[in-house]
Amino acid sequence: MEMAEVDMAIYGKTVSLIGEMDNIMVAKEAIEMILNGSRHKSVYGFLEHKKEDLKMREFKDLVGIDDDKIEFRDGIDFDEKDY
């Protein structure tokens, strides 16, 4: 499953996923959506959104931003949720 960056194998009624845990959870949810009758367009949209979320989380981890909270040098806290 290229969009979720996991390797997938299907044998009979068994689906196997190999990859990073966050990506596996996204792929699992996408598979469940298909099994529950969601349209492929909806699943692709879901996967694109989750891929952007994972990239943003990776970027925030890289630069040291935690919980969407920005700390200024003067000690004033800014939280996006407040605005």
Protein backbone atom coordinates (compact mmCIF):
# COMPACT_ATOMS: atom_id res chain seq x y z
CA MET A 1 0.00 0.00 0.00
CA GLU A 2 2.14 2.77 -1.37
CA MET A 3 0.15 5.74 -0.05
CA ALA A 4 0.49 4.58 3.55
CA GLU A 5 4.13 3.56 3.07
CA VAL A 6 3.59 -0.04 4.22
CA ASP A 7 4.06 -3.41 2.57
CA MET A 8 0.84 -5.41 2.28
CA ALA A 9 0.18 -9.06 1.51
CA ILE A 10 -3.24 -10.67 1.13
CA TYR A 11 -3.72 -14.42 1.40
CA GLY A 12 -7.27 -15.72 1.58
CA LYS A 13 -9.02 -13.78 4.34
CA THR A 14 -5.76 -12.57 5.91
CA VAL A 15 -4.18 -9.16 5.34
CA SER A 16 -0.61 -8.67 6.55
CA LEU A 17 0.99 -5.24 6.95
CA ILE A 18 4.68 -4.45 7.49
CA GLY A 19 5.93 -0.95 8.25
CA GLU A 20 6.14 1.70 10.93
CA MET A 21 3.36 1.50 13.51
CA ASP A 22 1.80 4.89 12.66
CA ASN A 23 1.67 3.94 8.99
CA ILE A 24 0.27 0.49 9.77
CA MET A 25 -2.56 2.05 11.76
CA VAL A 26 -3.42 4.35 8.84
CA ALA A 27 -3.36 1.42 6.39
CA LYS A 28 -5.50 -0.68 8.75
CA GLU A 29 -8.10 2.07 8.97
CA ALA A 30 -8.12 2.47 5.17
CA ILE A 31 -8.62 -1.29 4.71
CA GLU A 32 -11.46 -1.26 7.24
CA MET A 33 -13.06 1.65 5.37
CA ILE A 34 -13.02 -0.36 2.13
CA LEU A 35 -14.39 -3.46 3.87
CA ASN A 36 -17.19 -1.35 5.36
CA GLY A 37 -18.20 -0.13 1.90
CA SER A 38 -16.57 3.29 1.69
CA ARG A 39 -15.97 4.64 -1.79
CA HIS A 40 -12.41 4.39 -3.06
CA LYS A 41 -12.35 8.16 -3.56
CA SER A 42 -13.11 8.63 0.16
CA VAL A 43 -10.35 6.21 1.14
CA TYR A 44 -7.82 7.96 -1.11
CA GLY A 45 -8.81 11.29 0.43
CA PHE A 46 -8.38 9.81 3.90
CA LEU A 47 -4.93 8.46 2.99
CA GLU A 48 -3.81 11.78 1.52
CA HIS A 49 -4.95 13.64 4.64
CA LYS A 50 -3.22 11.18 6.97
CA LYS A 51 -0.02 11.34 4.92
CA GLU A 52 0.03 15.13 5.36
CA ASP A 53 -0.61 14.72 9.10
CA LEU A 54 2.25 12.25 9.46
CA LYS A 55 4.61 14.54 7.53
CA MET A 56 3.64 17.46 9.77
CA ARG A 57 4.19 15.38 12.90
CA GLU A 58 7.60 14.27 11.58
CA PHE A 59 8.51 17.90 10.87
CA LYS A 60 7.40 19.02 14.34
CA ASP A 61 9.46 16.25 15.93
CA LEU A 62 12.44 17.32 13.86
CA VAL A 63 12.25 20.99 14.89
CA GLY A 64 11.11 20.31 18.47
CA ILE A 65 7.53 21.61 18.44
CA ASP A 66 5.30 19.79 20.94
CA ASP A 67 1.48 19.82 21.00
CA ASP A 68 1.09 22.81 18.65
CA LYS A 69 2.33 25.03 21.45
CA ILE A 70 4.77 27.79 20.56
CA GLU A 71 6.98 29.22 23.28
CA PHE A 72 8.45 32.68 22.86
CA ARG A 73 11.75 33.75 24.36
CA ASP A 74 10.06 36.31 26.60
CA GLY A 75 8.16 33.53 28.38
CA ILE A 76 4.71 34.27 26.90
CA ASP A 77 2.94 31.09 25.84
CA PHE A 78 0.96 30.98 22.62
CA ASP A 79 -1.46 28.16 21.86
CA GLU A 80 -3.19 27.98 18.45
CA LYS A 81 -6.32 26.53 20.07
CA ASP A 82 -6.92 29.80 21.94
CA TYR A 83 -7.25 31.78 18.69
